[in-house]
Amino acid sequence: MIATHKIEELTFDNNYMFLKVDGKTLMIPLKKASKKLLEADDIQKGIYKISASGYGIHWPLIDEDLSVDNLIKIAE
């Protein structure tokens, strides 16, 4: 069964992703989440698509897909 999540906001600051999901804001180190996102510029990071279920996030400009469940696990 695929988990569903409600993603409310996604922003970046230096080497971190801030993901507001299911009412909680998570601080996710990019070095743990994705080398591609760590090396991406602001435009590449800013263009993403959230799956309808909220299960994953896709960044088309850098061809990166991350699961929300995994991001929740690695959040600080």
C-alpha atoms as a PDB file:
ATOM      1  CA  MET A   1       0.000   0.000   0.000  1.00  0.00           C
ATOM      2  CA  ILE A   2       1.313   3.431  -0.942  1.00  0.00           C
ATOM      3  CA  ALA A   3       1.261   6.013   1.827  1.00  0.00           C
ATOM      4  CA  THR A   4      -0.351   9.335   1.073  1.00  0.00           C
ATOM      5  CA  HIS A   5       0.904  12.640   2.364  1.00  0.00           C
ATOM      6  CA  LYS A   6      -0.309  16.213   2.237  1.00  0.00           C
ATOM      7  CA  ILE A   7       2.585  18.369   1.065  1.00  0.00           C
ATOM      8  CA  GLU A   8       1.880  22.005   1.883  1.00  0.00           C
ATOM      9  CA  GLU A   9       5.195  23.730   1.152  1.00  0.00           C
ATOM     10  CA  LEU A  10       8.677  23.015  -0.168  1.00  0.00           C
ATOM     11  CA  THR A  11      11.533  25.513   0.075  1.00  0.00           C
ATOM     12  CA  PHE A  12      15.330  25.488   0.078  1.00  0.00           C
ATOM     13  CA  ASP A  13      17.936  27.395   2.070  1.00  0.00           C
ATOM     14  CA  ASN A  14      21.630  26.786   1.528  1.00  0.00           C
ATOM     15  CA  ASN A  15      22.156  23.054   2.053  1.00  0.00           C
ATOM     16  CA  TYR A  16      18.695  22.218   3.401  1.00  0.00           C
ATOM     17  CA  MET A  17      15.243  21.451   2.101  1.00  0.00           C
ATOM     18  CA  PHE A  18      12.287  22.526   4.242  1.00  0.00           C
ATOM     19  CA  LEU A  19       9.277  20.344   3.609  1.00  0.00           C
ATOM     20  CA  LYS A  20       5.936  21.016   5.252  1.00  0.00           C
ATOM     21  CA  VAL A  21       4.161  17.676   5.110  1.00  0.00           C
ATOM     22  CA  ASP A  22       1.181  16.403   7.068  1.00  0.00           C
ATOM     23  CA  GLY A  23       1.195  19.582   9.173  1.00  0.00           C
ATOM     24  CA  LYS A  24       4.863  19.326  10.217  1.00  0.00           C
ATOM     25  CA  THR A  25       7.830  21.257   8.849  1.00  0.00           C
ATOM     26  CA  LEU A  26      10.891  19.078   8.328  1.00  0.00           C
ATOM     27  CA  MET A  27      14.475  20.235   7.864  1.00  0.00           C
ATOM     28  CA  ILE A  28      16.223  17.846   5.470  1.00  0.00           C
ATOM     29  CA  PRO A  29      19.967  18.037   4.756  1.00  0.00           C
ATOM     30  CA  LEU A  30      20.490  17.879   1.002  1.00  0.00           C
ATOM     31  CA  LYS A  31      23.738  15.940   1.431  1.00  0.00           C
ATOM     32  CA  LYS A  32      21.656  13.078   2.876  1.00  0.00           C
ATOM     33  CA  ALA A  33      18.704  13.446   0.501  1.00  0.00           C
ATOM     34  CA  SER A  34      20.173  14.008  -2.961  1.00  0.00           C
ATOM     35  CA  LYS A  35      23.524  14.894  -4.488  1.00  0.00           C
ATOM     36  CA  LYS A  36      21.662  16.216  -7.540  1.00  0.00           C
ATOM     37  CA  LEU A  37      19.637  18.668  -5.433  1.00  0.00           C
ATOM     38  CA  LEU A  38      22.718  19.663  -3.463  1.00  0.00           C
ATOM     39  CA  GLU A  39      24.436  20.655  -6.715  1.00  0.00           C
ATOM     40  CA  ALA A  40      21.349  22.161  -8.398  1.00  0.00           C
ATOM     41  CA  ASP A  41      20.792  25.884  -8.813  1.00  0.00           C
ATOM     42  CA  ASP A  42      17.722  27.723  -7.496  1.00  0.00           C
ATOM     43  CA  ILE A  43      15.823  27.396 -10.774  1.00  0.00           C
ATOM     44  CA  GLN A  44      16.429  23.645 -10.958  1.00  0.00           C
ATOM     45  CA  LYS A  45      15.325  23.212  -7.341  1.00  0.00           C
ATOM     46  CA  GLY A  46      12.272  25.417  -7.804  1.00  0.00           C
ATOM     47  CA  ILE A  47      10.720  23.414 -10.633  1.00  0.00           C
ATOM     48  CA  TYR A  48       9.212  20.243  -9.217  1.00  0.00           C
ATOM     49  CA  LYS A  49       6.059  18.154  -9.369  1.00  0.00           C
ATOM     50  CA  ILE A  50       4.408  16.469  -6.419  1.00  0.00           C
ATOM     51  CA  SER A  51       2.689  13.170  -7.154  1.00  0.00           C
ATOM     52  CA  ALA A  52      -1.084  13.188  -6.746  1.00  0.00           C
ATOM     53  CA  SER A  53      -0.863  10.968  -3.664  1.00  0.00           C
ATOM     54  CA  GLY A  54       1.909  13.050  -2.133  1.00  0.00           C
ATOM     55  CA  TYR A  55       4.096   9.931  -2.205  1.00  0.00           C
ATOM     56  CA  GLY A  56       6.936  11.444  -4.236  1.00  0.00           C
ATOM     57  CA  ILE A  57       8.479  14.603  -5.644  1.00  0.00           C
ATOM     58  CA  HIS A  58      10.031  14.886  -9.124  1.00  0.00           C
ATOM     59  CA  TRP A  59      12.489  17.550 -10.331  1.00  0.00           C
ATOM     60  CA  PRO A  60      12.411  17.330 -14.148  1.00  0.00           C
ATOM     61  CA  LEU A  61      15.350  19.645 -14.843  1.00  0.00           C
ATOM     62  CA  ILE A  62      17.752  17.380 -12.939  1.00  0.00           C
ATOM     63  CA  ASP A  63      15.840  14.098 -13.429  1.00  0.00           C
ATOM     64  CA  GLU A  64      15.511  13.424  -9.705  1.00  0.00           C
ATOM     65  CA  ASP A  65      12.731  11.576  -7.880  1.00  0.00           C
ATOM     66  CA  LEU A  66      12.510  11.327  -4.097  1.00  0.00           C
ATOM     67  CA  SER A  67       9.973   9.559  -1.923  1.00  0.00           C
ATOM     68  CA  VAL A  68       8.368  11.578   0.837  1.00  0.00           C
ATOM     69  CA  ASP A  69       8.634   8.627   3.217  1.00  0.00           C
ATOM     70  CA  ASN A  70      12.411   8.600   2.771  1.00  0.00           C
ATOM     71  CA  LEU A  71      12.647  12.373   3.250  1.00  0.00           C
ATOM     72  CA  ILE A  72      10.706  12.044   6.502  1.00  0.00           C
ATOM     73  CA  LYS A  73      13.158   9.380   7.701  1.00  0.00           C
ATOM     74  CA  ILE A  74      16.260  11.501   7.060  1.00  0.00           C
ATOM     75  CA  ALA A  75      14.881  14.787   8.431  1.00  0.00           C
ATOM     76  CA  GLU A  76      16.798  16.415  11.297  1.00  0.00           C
END
